[in-house]
């Protein structure tokens, strides 16, 4: 039988997608109920990999055509692709894997989404309920294994609980501080029948996240901001997740204060805005870090003062400042740094009320003090910490990213990355002017996410340009998904900054381990051009600086093809600035001359 025909063949539908999910119907089995629930939630794309425990579910998917299932080549990539879709769209990403190794292969993807607070529902197959706990074939304790890396998880033991459980899963995933939710479905539950109904709304007594910030606390924050002499606005991924970029920009326009974003917050404030000081933290700009250390009032919004942002907390705490912290998650406030004015609430709602109260206030910031503060910041800016020595002989990775930005700055472009030096160069040199255009793994730092992220985004945004900036180490972790790109016609562009090293590992070994490059050299790399061609794609080798722009333009011209650019970059290049482990945020190395 022709397998391509088998993929597109559809049996008559048991339920028309246009029908109401609550239309009275005969009893449905658990798998049909699952599909109906996904349809009710507006799910259009589902990434997964079949196996014995989920075959009834796959049979139900075969009988409908409103949800597109994407067959990945590894379960990790299924979760990453759904994750990338969620990051780019703000919708809940959905993945489906089988029991046992299907679940364990998905763990890295689930943990990645959890660390970055991404709304997802992961449906996992489980052995039949009578076999649970008996070491059955492909059994594992999914609830136990995933408990530390999910917002919540469920084991559905009765088909009558399935619909309401899925409603809870989507509600939990997308509200409050978002996160992944696992729903574990035993095989007998997916076969058992019951009458179907899907609740329009759900109320959970034990889960009721706060949305509105305390007005009194917001009033105190306004007073502090208007009295500030050296203010700073520090925002993280919560502004992106909370769809609060417009409010952040309005606040900066209103006050004229300097602003910085974390790695996960890039794009919330336009990268080309002169009031944006660049990313802060371990590889942040000199001006962003120095401003963070020396401000007198800090407004932190949707950020968590993590180790890669403030460095050594004792060093950060050595300068007296007042801190206002806005976050949807109360557990994130005063977790690493004591704050003066905590505000728990949805960042969009809080910023709206903050702006309204500032407009109503009679006072305004001290213009002379703010101008003097900007004068100091501009002195720090003159260090030009991101300058690099270009070359006509060897390709500098910074130049590749800078060239890509210049070519795509006026186009609707999404940039994914893997993890390592290339990730930091992308964050430093690509000026993101809009939110949800920068898709990377921040909290967990997961290699291999870039290509699956790009696949998920391209499916959601087929008319947009989607570039994956990666390295020769990271790309090999999920490179089999080039096959998925070919099957589902998701023509992404892969920009591999190939320096023949695990670059960030090599950099640390150079700086902290006296140049002992233990297992960081990639001395058995494939021919990536031929490998891309073997998967049905276009491969381009770039070895000269003068060929970079032309190769990128050619990749953009081939709108209907996945293109793999193997760009041979300088293997000795390091990411600067850098704050070494254990150092304070202002104790930066700006280049090799500081070693």
Protein backbone atom coordinates (compact mmCIF):
# COMPACT_ATOMS: atom_id res chain seq x y z
CA UNK A 1 0.00 0.00 0.00
CA UNK A 2 1.22 3.50 -0.80
CA UNK A 3 2.06 5.00 2.61
CA UNK A 4 1.67 8.59 1.45
CA UNK A 5 -1.86 7.78 0.44
CA UNK A 6 -2.43 6.10 3.79
CA UNK A 7 -1.34 9.31 5.55
CA UNK A 8 -3.93 11.42 3.73
CA UNK A 9 -6.81 8.92 3.64
CA UNK A 10 -9.59 9.68 6.08
CA UNK A 11 -12.47 7.48 7.13
CA UNK A 12 -15.94 9.04 7.45
CA UNK A 13 -16.08 11.37 10.41
CA UNK A 14 -17.90 10.31 13.53
CA UNK A 15 -18.22 14.01 14.46
CA UNK A 16 -18.14 16.97 12.12
CA UNK A 17 -15.64 19.60 13.28
CA UNK A 18 -18.33 22.22 12.82
CA UNK A 19 -20.68 20.51 15.24
CA UNK A 20 -20.89 21.74 18.79
CA UNK A 21 -18.76 19.64 21.16
CA UNK A 22 -21.76 19.43 23.49
CA UNK A 23 -24.22 18.12 20.89
CA UNK A 24 -26.04 15.13 22.45
CA UNK A 25 -24.59 11.93 21.01
CA UNK A 26 -24.29 8.24 21.63
CA UNK A 27 -21.66 7.04 24.04
CA UNK A 28 -18.09 7.62 22.88
CA UNK A 29 -14.94 5.78 23.82
CA UNK A 30 -12.15 7.55 25.68
CA UNK A 31 -10.12 8.16 22.53
CA UNK A 32 -13.06 9.80 20.76
CA UNK A 33 -13.72 11.88 23.86
CA UNK A 34 -10.10 13.02 23.85
CA UNK A 35 -10.36 14.16 20.24
CA UNK A 36 -13.65 15.95 20.91
CA UNK A 37 -12.06 17.74 23.89
CA UNK A 38 -9.10 18.87 21.79
CA UNK A 39 -11.51 20.17 19.15
CA UNK A 40 -13.46 22.05 21.82
CA UNK A 41 -10.21 23.69 22.96
CA UNK A 42 -9.49 24.85 19.41
CA UNK A 43 -6.45 22.61 18.94
CA UNK A 44 -5.34 22.62 15.31
CA UNK A 45 -1.94 20.93 15.51
CA UNK A 46 -0.72 17.96 17.50
CA UNK A 47 2.81 16.56 17.53
CA UNK A 48 3.37 12.95 18.46
CA UNK A 49 4.62 9.42 17.91
CA UNK A 50 2.41 6.31 18.08
CA UNK A 51 2.86 3.21 20.22
CA UNK A 52 0.81 0.38 21.66
CA UNK A 53 -0.69 2.30 24.58
CA UNK A 54 -2.08 5.09 22.37
CA UNK A 55 -3.27 3.16 19.31
CA UNK A 56 -6.95 3.69 20.12
CA UNK A 57 -6.21 7.42 20.28
CA UNK A 58 -4.46 7.30 16.92
CA UNK A 59 -7.44 5.43 15.48
CA UNK A 60 -9.71 8.25 16.67
CA UNK A 61 -7.39 10.84 15.13
CA UNK A 62 -7.59 8.94 11.83
CA UNK A 63 -11.37 9.45 11.77
CA UNK A 64 -11.27 13.25 11.86
CA UNK A 65 -9.63 16.00 9.88
CA UNK A 66 -9.84 19.18 11.98
CA UNK A 67 -6.63 18.45 13.93
CA UNK A 68 -3.41 17.95 12.00
CA UNK A 69 -1.15 15.37 13.60
CA UNK A 70 2.56 15.78 12.88
CA UNK A 71 4.58 12.58 13.08
CA UNK A 72 7.99 13.47 14.49
CA UNK A 73 10.99 11.11 14.53
CA UNK A 74 11.58 11.24 18.31
CA UNK A 75 9.25 12.02 21.20
CA UNK A 76 11.58 14.71 22.55
CA UNK A 77 11.06 16.61 19.32
CA UNK A 78 7.27 16.26 19.61
CA UNK A 79 7.28 18.17 22.89
CA UNK A 80 9.85 20.71 21.65
CA UNK A 81 7.80 21.39 18.49
CA UNK A 82 4.60 21.87 20.50
CA UNK A 83 6.62 24.08 22.86
CA UNK A 84 7.91 26.24 19.99
CA UNK A 85 4.36 26.56 18.66
CA UNK A 86 3.17 27.73 22.09
CA UNK A 87 6.00 30.25 22.51
CA UNK A 88 5.34 31.83 19.12
CA UNK A 89 1.53 31.91 19.28
CA UNK A 90 0.67 32.14 22.97
CA UNK A 91 -1.65 29.16 22.54
CA UNK A 92 -1.42 25.86 24.44
CA UNK A 93 0.90 23.43 22.67
CA UNK A 94 -0.20 19.79 22.60
CA UNK A 95 1.92 16.65 22.26
CA UNK A 96 1.02 12.95 22.31
CA UNK A 97 3.38 10.11 23.24
CA UNK A 98 3.06 6.48 24.19
CA UNK A 99 3.87 4.80 27.49
CA UNK A 100 7.28 3.80 28.86
CA UNK A 101 10.09 5.00 26.58
CA UNK A 102 7.68 7.36 24.85
CA UNK A 103 7.22 9.18 28.14
CA UNK A 104 10.88 9.07 29.15
CA UNK A 105 11.93 10.38 25.73
CA UNK A 106 9.54 13.29 26.27
CA UNK A 107 10.95 14.22 29.69
CA UNK A 108 13.57 16.66 28.39
CA UNK A 109 10.93 18.53 26.40
CA UNK A 110 8.58 18.70 29.38
CA UNK A 111 11.33 19.98 31.69
CA UNK A 112 12.34 22.57 29.09
CA UNK A 113 8.79 23.92 28.93
CA UNK A 114 8.45 23.87 32.72
CA UNK A 115 11.58 25.93 33.32
CA UNK A 116 10.37 28.62 30.91
CA UNK A 117 6.69 28.55 32.01
CA UNK A 118 5.27 27.48 28.63
CA UNK A 119 1.57 26.47 28.42
CA UNK A 120 1.38 22.88 27.22
CA UNK A 121 -0.71 19.74 27.56
CA UNK A 122 1.18 16.49 27.07
CA UNK A 123 -1.00 13.42 26.60
CA UNK A 124 0.75 10.19 27.51
CA UNK A 125 -0.33 6.62 27.03
CA UNK A 126 -0.26 4.20 29.95
CA UNK A 127 -0.62 0.44 30.32
CA UNK A 128 -4.16 -0.79 31.17
CA UNK A 129 -5.24 0.07 34.71
CA UNK A 130 -5.19 -3.57 35.96
CA UNK A 131 -1.52 -3.79 34.89
CA UNK A 132 -0.34 -0.60 36.60
CA UNK A 133 2.30 -1.41 39.19
CA UNK A 134 2.98 -4.89 37.81
CA UNK A 135 6.00 -3.98 35.66
CA UNK A 136 4.01 -4.49 32.50
CA UNK A 137 5.59 -4.08 29.08
CA UNK A 138 6.43 -0.41 28.47
CA UNK A 139 5.16 0.66 31.88
CA UNK A 140 6.63 3.53 33.86
CA UNK A 141 5.34 5.72 36.66
CA UNK A 142 4.56 8.75 34.50
CA UNK A 143 2.98 10.74 37.31
CA UNK A 144 5.94 10.10 39.61
CA UNK A 145 8.60 10.75 36.98
CA UNK A 146 7.07 14.01 35.75
CA UNK A 147 5.92 15.43 39.10
CA UNK A 148 8.97 17.71 39.61
CA UNK A 149 8.83 19.11 36.06
CA UNK A 150 5.15 19.87 35.49
CA UNK A 151 2.73 22.45 36.75
CA UNK A 152 0.37 19.53 37.42
CA UNK A 153 -0.27 16.00 36.22
CA UNK A 154 -3.22 13.61 36.13
CA UNK A 155 -3.68 9.83 35.88
CA UNK A 156 -7.16 9.17 34.48
CA UNK A 157 -8.46 5.85 35.84
CA UNK A 158 -12.11 6.24 34.82
CA UNK A 159 -13.30 7.29 31.36
CA UNK A 160 -16.08 9.32 33.02
CA UNK A 161 -13.39 11.63 34.41
CA UNK A 162 -11.56 12.14 31.13
CA UNK A 163 -13.39 15.17 29.70
CA UNK A 164 -13.36 17.21 32.90
CA UNK A 165 -9.71 16.27 33.49
CA UNK A 166 -8.76 17.62 30.07
CA UNK A 167 -10.70 20.81 30.76
CA UNK A 168 -8.72 21.20 34.00
CA UNK A 169 -5.45 20.47 32.19
CA UNK A 170 -5.94 23.25 29.62
CA UNK A 171 -7.16 25.66 32.30
CA UNK A 172 -4.15 25.03 34.53
CA UNK A 173 -1.69 25.16 31.62
CA UNK A 174 -2.77 28.59 30.34
CA UNK A 175 -3.71 30.49 33.50
CA UNK A 176 -1.64 32.00 36.30
CA UNK A 177 2.01 31.25 35.71
CA UNK A 178 1.72 29.00 32.64
CA UNK A 179 3.30 25.58 32.47
CA UNK A 180 3.10 22.04 31.11
CA UNK A 181 0.40 19.65 32.33
CA UNK A 182 0.61 15.89 31.76
CA UNK A 183 -2.52 13.77 31.30
CA UNK A 184 -1.73 10.04 31.59
CA UNK A 185 -4.39 7.83 29.95
CA UNK A 186 -4.33 4.03 30.43
CA UNK A 187 -5.13 2.02 27.32
CA UNK A 188 -8.35 0.57 28.73
CA UNK A 189 -9.59 4.08 29.54
CA UNK A 190 -9.02 5.11 25.94
CA UNK A 191 -11.27 2.18 24.88
CA UNK A 192 -13.99 2.37 27.54
CA UNK A 193 -17.22 4.21 26.65
CA UNK A 194 -19.33 6.83 28.36
CA UNK A 195 -21.68 9.66 27.50
CA UNK A 196 -19.73 12.76 26.44
CA UNK A 197 -20.14 16.30 27.66
CA UNK A 198 -17.50 19.01 27.91
CA UNK A 199 -17.81 21.81 30.46
CA UNK A 200 -17.75 25.36 29.10
CA UNK A 201 -15.83 26.59 32.16
CA UNK A 202 -14.13 25.05 35.13
CA UNK A 203 -13.74 26.12 38.73
CA UNK A 204 -11.15 24.54 40.98
CA UNK A 205 -11.31 25.34 44.67
CA UNK A 206 -7.62 24.54 45.14
CA UNK A 207 -6.45 26.58 42.14
CA UNK A 208 -7.43 30.21 41.79
CA UNK A 209 -4.51 32.39 40.64
CA UNK A 210 -4.61 36.08 41.42
CA UNK A 211 -4.92 38.45 38.46
CA UNK A 212 -5.39 41.92 39.94
CA UNK A 213 -2.50 43.46 41.83
CA UNK A 214 -3.10 45.09 45.20
CA UNK A 215 -3.99 48.74 44.54
CA UNK A 216 -2.24 49.92 47.70
CA UNK A 217 0.98 48.23 46.68
CA UNK A 218 0.73 49.68 43.19
CA UNK A 219 0.23 53.13 44.73
CA UNK A 220 3.41 52.69 46.77
CA UNK A 221 5.25 51.60 43.63
CA UNK A 222 4.10 54.73 41.78
CA UNK A 223 5.35 56.97 44.58
CA UNK A 224 8.72 55.23 44.59
CA UNK A 225 9.11 55.43 40.81
CA UNK A 226 8.25 59.13 40.71
CA UNK A 227 10.80 59.87 43.44
CA UNK A 228 13.60 57.87 41.79
CA UNK A 229 16.86 59.55 40.82
CA UNK A 230 18.43 56.52 39.14
CA UNK A 231 15.49 54.32 38.02
CA UNK A 232 15.64 51.13 35.97
CA UNK A 233 12.99 48.85 34.46
CA UNK A 234 14.03 45.18 34.37
CA UNK A 235 11.70 42.73 32.61
CA UNK A 236 11.71 39.03 31.90
CA UNK A 237 9.79 36.35 30.08
CA UNK A 238 6.69 37.08 32.13
CA UNK A 239 6.06 40.20 30.06
CA UNK A 240 6.10 38.10 26.89
CA UNK A 241 3.92 35.34 28.36
CA UNK A 242 1.53 37.90 29.84
CA UNK A 243 1.10 39.72 26.48
CA UNK A 244 2.19 42.91 28.24
CA UNK A 245 4.71 44.29 25.74
CA UNK A 246 2.44 47.16 24.72
CA UNK A 247 2.00 48.19 28.36
CA UNK A 248 5.74 48.02 28.98
CA UNK A 249 6.42 50.29 25.99
CA UNK A 250 3.73 52.71 27.14
CA UNK A 251 5.30 52.83 30.62
CA UNK A 252 8.76 53.56 29.19
CA UNK A 253 7.28 56.27 26.94
CA UNK A 254 5.52 57.81 29.92
CA UNK A 255 8.50 57.84 32.28
CA UNK A 256 11.50 57.95 29.94
CA UNK A 257 13.34 55.43 32.11
CA UNK A 258 16.02 53.02 30.84
CA UNK A 259 14.87 49.45 30.28
CA UNK A 260 16.50 46.04 29.95
CA UNK A 261 15.21 42.56 29.10
CA UNK A 262 16.45 39.17 30.19
CA UNK A 263 17.26 36.49 27.63
CA UNK A 264 13.65 35.29 27.80
CA UNK A 265 12.23 38.81 27.64
CA UNK A 266 13.89 39.99 24.43
CA UNK A 267 11.43 41.70 22.10
CA UNK A 268 9.20 43.01 24.87
CA UNK A 269 11.00 46.34 24.41
CA UNK A 270 12.16 47.09 20.84
CA UNK A 271 15.83 46.19 20.42
CA UNK A 272 16.34 49.33 18.34
CA UNK A 273 14.83 51.71 20.92
CA UNK A 274 17.50 54.03 22.38
CA UNK A 275 16.01 53.57 25.87
CA UNK A 276 16.68 49.83 25.64
CA UNK A 277 20.11 49.04 27.08
CA UNK A 278 20.35 45.53 25.69
CA UNK A 279 20.13 42.20 27.46
CA UNK A 280 21.57 42.04 30.96
CA UNK A 281 23.24 39.23 32.87
CA UNK A 282 26.13 36.83 32.34
CA UNK A 283 26.52 37.83 28.69
CA UNK A 284 24.64 41.11 28.91
CA UNK A 285 25.88 44.51 27.84
CA UNK A 286 28.17 46.60 30.01
CA UNK A 287 25.62 49.41 30.22
CA UNK A 288 22.73 47.08 31.13
CA UNK A 289 24.69 45.45 33.95
CA UNK A 290 26.20 48.62 35.33
CA UNK A 291 22.79 50.29 35.35
CA UNK A 292 21.34 47.29 37.17
CA UNK A 293 24.04 47.48 39.84
CA UNK A 294 23.88 51.23 40.43
CA UNK A 295 20.18 52.11 40.13
CA UNK A 296 18.36 53.43 43.20
CA UNK A 297 14.86 52.18 42.26
CA UNK A 298 14.39 48.96 40.31
CA UNK A 299 11.07 47.91 38.80
CA UNK A 300 11.23 44.17 38.08
CA UNK A 301 8.37 42.81 35.97
CA UNK A 302 7.90 39.13 35.15
CA UNK A 303 11.52 38.32 36.01
CA UNK A 304 13.03 36.19 38.74
CA UNK A 305 16.52 37.52 39.56
CA UNK A 306 18.08 34.20 38.54
CA UNK A 307 21.76 33.36 38.75
CA UNK A 308 22.44 34.17 35.08
CA UNK A 309 20.99 37.67 35.55
CA UNK A 310 22.36 39.06 38.82
CA UNK A 311 25.39 36.84 39.33
CA UNK A 312 26.43 36.64 42.98
CA UNK A 313 23.44 37.83 45.09
CA UNK A 314 25.76 39.10 47.85
CA UNK A 315 27.50 41.36 45.35
CA UNK A 316 24.13 42.51 44.00
CA UNK A 317 22.92 43.22 47.51
CA UNK A 318 26.00 45.28 48.38
CA UNK A 319 24.41 48.38 46.81
CA UNK A 320 21.35 49.81 48.52
CA UNK A 321 18.34 50.17 46.25
CA UNK A 322 14.57 49.92 46.48
CA UNK A 323 13.01 47.05 44.52
CA UNK A 324 9.46 46.74 43.21
CA UNK A 325 8.71 43.22 41.99
CA UNK A 326 5.64 42.35 39.89
CA UNK A 327 4.95 38.68 39.19
CA UNK A 328 1.98 36.34 38.78
CA UNK A 329 3.74 33.74 40.92
CA UNK A 330 4.11 34.73 44.59
CA UNK A 331 6.80 32.08 45.09
CA UNK A 332 9.09 33.97 42.69
CA UNK A 333 9.04 37.14 44.79
CA UNK A 334 11.88 37.55 47.33
CA UNK A 335 13.09 34.09 46.37
CA UNK A 336 16.69 35.14 45.67
CA UNK A 337 16.62 38.88 46.38
CA UNK A 338 14.63 40.65 49.09
CA UNK A 339 12.21 43.17 47.59
CA UNK A 340 10.58 46.23 49.13
CA UNK A 341 7.25 46.35 47.30
CA UNK A 342 5.92 42.95 46.19
CA UNK A 343 2.97 42.99 43.78
CA UNK A 344 1.34 39.66 42.96
CA UNK A 345 -0.81 39.75 39.86
CA UNK A 346 -1.05 39.42 36.11
CA UNK A 347 1.67 41.67 34.71
CA UNK A 348 -0.59 43.14 32.02
CA UNK A 349 -3.25 44.13 34.56
CA UNK A 350 -0.70 45.48 37.01
CA UNK A 351 1.09 47.57 34.39
CA UNK A 352 -2.22 48.98 33.17
CA UNK A 353 -3.12 50.14 36.69
CA UNK A 354 0.43 51.40 37.27
CA UNK A 355 0.22 53.52 34.11
CA UNK A 356 -3.22 54.83 35.06
CA UNK A 357 -2.02 55.89 38.53
CA UNK A 358 1.10 57.58 37.12
CA UNK A 359 -1.06 59.58 34.72
CA UNK A 360 -3.31 60.66 37.58
CA UNK A 361 -0.43 61.64 39.85
CA UNK A 362 0.48 65.30 40.18
CA UNK A 363 4.20 64.64 40.62
CA UNK A 364 6.65 63.79 37.86
CA UNK A 365 10.20 62.39 38.01
CA UNK A 366 13.00 64.85 38.69
CA UNK A 367 14.05 65.79 35.15
CA UNK A 368 17.52 66.98 36.16
CA UNK A 369 18.23 63.77 38.07
CA UNK A 370 16.96 61.59 35.21
CA UNK A 371 19.09 63.53 32.69
CA UNK A 372 22.17 63.08 34.88
CA UNK A 373 21.39 59.37 35.14
CA UNK A 374 21.13 59.08 31.36
CA UNK A 375 24.45 60.91 31.05
CA UNK A 376 26.08 58.25 33.24
CA UNK A 377 24.42 55.44 31.26
CA UNK A 378 25.65 56.91 27.97
CA UNK A 379 29.18 57.00 29.39
CA UNK A 380 28.91 53.28 30.04
CA UNK A 381 27.47 52.80 26.54
CA UNK A 382 30.55 54.39 25.00
CA UNK A 383 32.53 51.31 26.02
CA UNK A 384 30.84 49.67 22.98
CA UNK A 385 31.06 46.26 24.61
CA UNK A 386 29.64 44.36 21.63
CA UNK A 387 32.22 45.58 19.13
CA UNK A 388 34.13 42.76 17.42
CA UNK A 389 37.05 42.59 15.04
CA UNK A 390 35.72 41.66 11.64
CA UNK A 391 37.91 39.71 9.27
CA UNK A 392 38.27 39.13 5.57
CA UNK A 393 39.95 35.78 6.19
CA UNK A 394 37.74 33.99 8.71
CA UNK A 395 33.99 34.21 9.32
CA UNK A 396 33.12 35.87 12.61
CA UNK A 397 29.89 34.45 14.10
CA UNK A 398 28.79 37.89 15.26
CA UNK A 399 28.94 39.09 11.67
CA UNK A 400 26.67 36.25 10.54
CA UNK A 401 23.96 37.18 13.05
CA UNK A 402 24.33 40.89 12.33
CA UNK A 403 24.00 40.23 8.59
CA UNK A 404 20.93 38.06 9.14
CA UNK A 405 19.31 40.84 11.18
CA UNK A 406 19.98 43.44 8.48
CA UNK A 407 18.48 41.17 5.81
CA UNK A 408 15.35 40.28 7.80
CA UNK A 409 14.69 43.35 9.97
CA UNK A 410 11.81 44.52 7.76
CA UNK A 411 10.30 41.05 7.36
CA UNK A 412 8.09 39.00 9.69
CA UNK A 413 10.85 36.79 11.06
CA UNK A 414 11.10 34.27 13.87
CA UNK A 415 14.49 33.24 15.23
CA UNK A 416 14.97 30.00 17.13
CA UNK A 417 18.24 28.90 18.64
CA UNK A 418 19.82 25.98 20.34
CA UNK A 419 22.03 26.47 23.39
CA UNK A 420 25.62 27.65 23.54
CA UNK A 421 27.74 30.42 22.09
CA UNK A 422 25.51 30.79 19.04
CA UNK A 423 22.52 31.38 21.34
CA UNK A 424 24.28 34.26 23.08
CA UNK A 425 25.46 35.81 19.81
CA UNK A 426 21.90 35.62 18.49
CA UNK A 427 20.60 37.33 21.64
CA UNK A 428 23.28 40.03 21.48
CA UNK A 429 23.35 40.90 17.78
CA UNK A 430 19.82 40.26 16.51
CA UNK A 431 17.72 43.27 17.51
CA UNK A 432 14.28 41.89 18.30
CA UNK A 433 11.69 44.64 17.93
CA UNK A 434 8.60 42.51 18.59
CA UNK A 435 7.67 39.93 21.24
CA UNK A 436 7.47 36.16 20.57
CA UNK A 437 10.00 36.40 17.72
CA UNK A 438 12.91 35.03 19.81
CA UNK A 439 12.39 31.37 20.70
CA UNK A 440 15.03 29.63 22.79
CA UNK A 441 15.52 27.48 25.88
CA UNK A 442 16.44 29.75 28.78
CA UNK A 443 15.95 28.05 32.13
CA UNK A 444 16.97 24.49 31.28
CA UNK A 445 19.41 25.37 28.51
CA UNK A 446 18.43 22.42 26.30
CA UNK A 447 20.55 21.59 23.28
CA UNK A 448 18.60 20.29 20.29
CA UNK A 449 15.50 22.49 20.62
CA UNK A 450 16.19 24.82 17.71
CA UNK A 451 15.04 22.65 14.80
CA UNK A 452 11.86 21.29 16.48
CA UNK A 453 11.02 24.81 17.66
CA UNK A 454 11.37 26.04 14.08
CA UNK A 455 9.13 23.23 12.77
CA UNK A 456 6.40 24.08 15.25
CA UNK A 457 6.55 27.79 14.44
CA UNK A 458 6.57 27.28 10.68
CA UNK A 459 3.44 25.17 10.89
CA UNK A 460 1.72 27.95 12.85
CA UNK A 461 3.21 30.81 10.81
CA UNK A 462 3.61 29.45 7.25
CA UNK A 463 3.99 32.92 5.68
CA UNK A 464 6.76 34.02 8.08
CA UNK A 465 10.50 33.51 7.77
CA UNK A 466 11.74 31.03 10.37
CA UNK A 467 15.50 30.78 10.99
CA UNK A 468 17.18 28.36 13.37
CA UNK A 469 20.54 29.64 14.58
CA UNK A 470 22.44 26.63 15.83
CA UNK A 471 25.82 25.00 16.16
CA UNK A 472 27.27 21.78 14.82
CA UNK A 473 26.91 20.18 18.27
CA UNK A 474 23.34 21.18 19.10
CA UNK A 475 21.88 20.49 15.66
CA UNK A 476 22.89 16.83 15.81
CA UNK A 477 20.76 16.20 18.89
CA UNK A 478 17.48 16.36 16.94
CA UNK A 479 18.78 16.34 13.38
CA UNK A 480 16.48 13.45 12.45
CA UNK A 481 13.66 16.01 12.40
CA UNK A 482 14.92 17.10 8.98
CA UNK A 483 12.81 14.15 7.87
CA UNK A 484 9.73 15.67 9.54
CA UNK A 485 10.42 19.00 7.81
CA UNK A 486 10.41 17.21 4.46
CA UNK A 487 7.22 15.24 5.08
CA UNK A 488 5.18 18.16 6.37
CA UNK A 489 6.69 20.81 4.10
CA UNK A 490 7.90 23.19 6.79
CA UNK A 491 10.69 25.03 4.93
CA UNK A 492 12.82 26.43 7.74
CA UNK A 493 16.30 27.91 7.32
CA UNK A 494 19.10 26.46 9.46
CA UNK A 495 22.07 28.72 10.12
CA UNK A 496 24.74 26.52 11.68
CA UNK A 497 27.68 28.48 13.12
CA UNK A 498 30.09 25.59 12.77
CA UNK A 499 33.26 26.23 14.81
CA UNK A 500 34.09 22.53 15.23
CA UNK A 501 33.86 22.83 19.03
CA UNK A 502 31.23 22.62 21.72
CA UNK A 503 31.86 26.34 21.85
CA UNK A 504 30.61 27.40 25.26
CA UNK A 505 32.23 24.37 26.88
CA UNK A 506 35.50 25.23 25.12
CA UNK A 507 35.24 28.87 26.26
CA UNK A 508 34.83 27.86 29.90
CA UNK A 509 37.66 25.34 29.59
CA UNK A 510 39.89 28.08 28.19
CA UNK A 511 39.02 30.55 30.96
CA UNK A 512 38.62 28.30 34.02
CA UNK A 513 40.45 25.05 33.23
CA UNK A 514 43.76 26.39 31.87
CA UNK A 515 42.95 25.42 28.29
CA UNK A 516 42.38 21.72 28.96
CA UNK A 517 39.85 21.07 26.20
CA UNK A 518 38.45 17.83 27.53
CA UNK A 519 36.04 16.30 24.99
CA UNK A 520 34.86 19.60 23.58
CA UNK A 521 36.38 19.22 20.12
CA UNK A 522 34.10 17.83 17.40
CA UNK A 523 36.54 15.81 15.31
CA UNK A 524 34.09 13.49 13.52
CA UNK A 525 31.51 15.81 11.99
CA UNK A 526 29.31 14.73 9.09
CA UNK A 527 29.18 16.48 5.76
CA UNK A 528 26.16 18.60 6.63
CA UNK A 529 25.52 19.61 3.02
CA UNK A 530 25.23 16.01 1.89
CA UNK A 531 23.26 15.12 5.01
CA UNK A 532 20.73 17.86 4.27
CA UNK A 533 20.49 16.68 0.68
CA UNK A 534 19.97 13.10 1.85
CA UNK A 535 16.88 14.31 3.72
CA UNK A 536 15.62 16.03 0.57
CA UNK A 537 16.74 19.56 1.44
CA UNK A 538 19.23 22.13 0.17
CA UNK A 539 22.69 22.28 1.73
CA UNK A 540 25.10 25.21 1.32
CA UNK A 541 28.69 25.31 2.58
CA UNK A 542 29.98 28.80 3.45
CA UNK A 543 33.70 29.20 4.18
CA UNK A 544 34.49 32.83 3.27
CA UNK A 545 33.22 36.02 4.92
CA UNK A 546 32.35 37.50 1.55
CA UNK A 547 29.95 34.63 0.83
CA UNK A 548 27.81 34.94 3.98
CA UNK A 549 25.33 37.55 2.75
CA UNK A 550 24.85 35.84 -0.60
CA UNK A 551 24.22 32.47 1.05
CA UNK A 552 21.64 33.96 3.42
CA UNK A 553 19.90 35.69 0.50
CA UNK A 554 19.83 32.42 -1.45
CA UNK A 555 18.28 30.63 1.51
CA UNK A 556 15.61 33.34 1.73
CA UNK A 557 14.97 33.10 -2.00
CA UNK A 558 14.21 29.37 -1.72
CA UNK A 559 10.93 30.02 0.07
CA UNK A 560 9.57 26.49 -0.37
CA UNK A 561 12.72 24.57 0.64
CA UNK A 562 14.41 23.81 3.92
CA UNK A 563 17.97 25.11 3.61
CA UNK A 564 20.93 24.06 5.77
CA UNK A 565 23.72 26.65 5.84
CA UNK A 566 26.95 25.09 7.13
CA UNK A 567 28.89 28.26 7.97
CA UNK A 568 32.48 27.63 9.06
CA UNK A 569 33.21 30.22 11.73
CA UNK A 570 36.27 31.22 13.74
CA UNK A 571 36.88 28.40 16.27
CA UNK A 572 38.71 30.71 18.68
CA UNK A 573 35.95 33.30 19.09
CA UNK A 574 34.50 33.80 22.57
CA UNK A 575 31.29 35.42 23.79
CA UNK A 576 31.93 38.80 25.41
CA UNK A 577 31.03 40.40 27.78
CA UNK A 578 31.06 37.62 30.33
CA UNK A 579 30.44 37.42 34.07
CA UNK A 580 32.25 34.38 35.43
CA UNK A 581 30.53 32.07 37.90
CA UNK A 582 30.54 33.43 41.44
CA UNK A 583 31.26 36.99 40.33
CA UNK A 584 29.03 40.04 40.63
CA UNK A 585 27.00 41.45 37.79
CA UNK A 586 29.33 44.44 37.33
CA UNK A 587 32.51 42.31 37.44
CA UNK A 588 32.54 41.74 33.69
CA UNK A 589 35.19 40.54 31.32
CA UNK A 590 34.80 42.63 28.18
CA UNK A 591 37.33 40.73 26.10
CA UNK A 592 40.48 38.65 26.11
CA UNK A 593 42.43 41.69 27.28
CA UNK A 594 40.67 41.39 30.67
CA UNK A 595 41.96 37.86 31.29
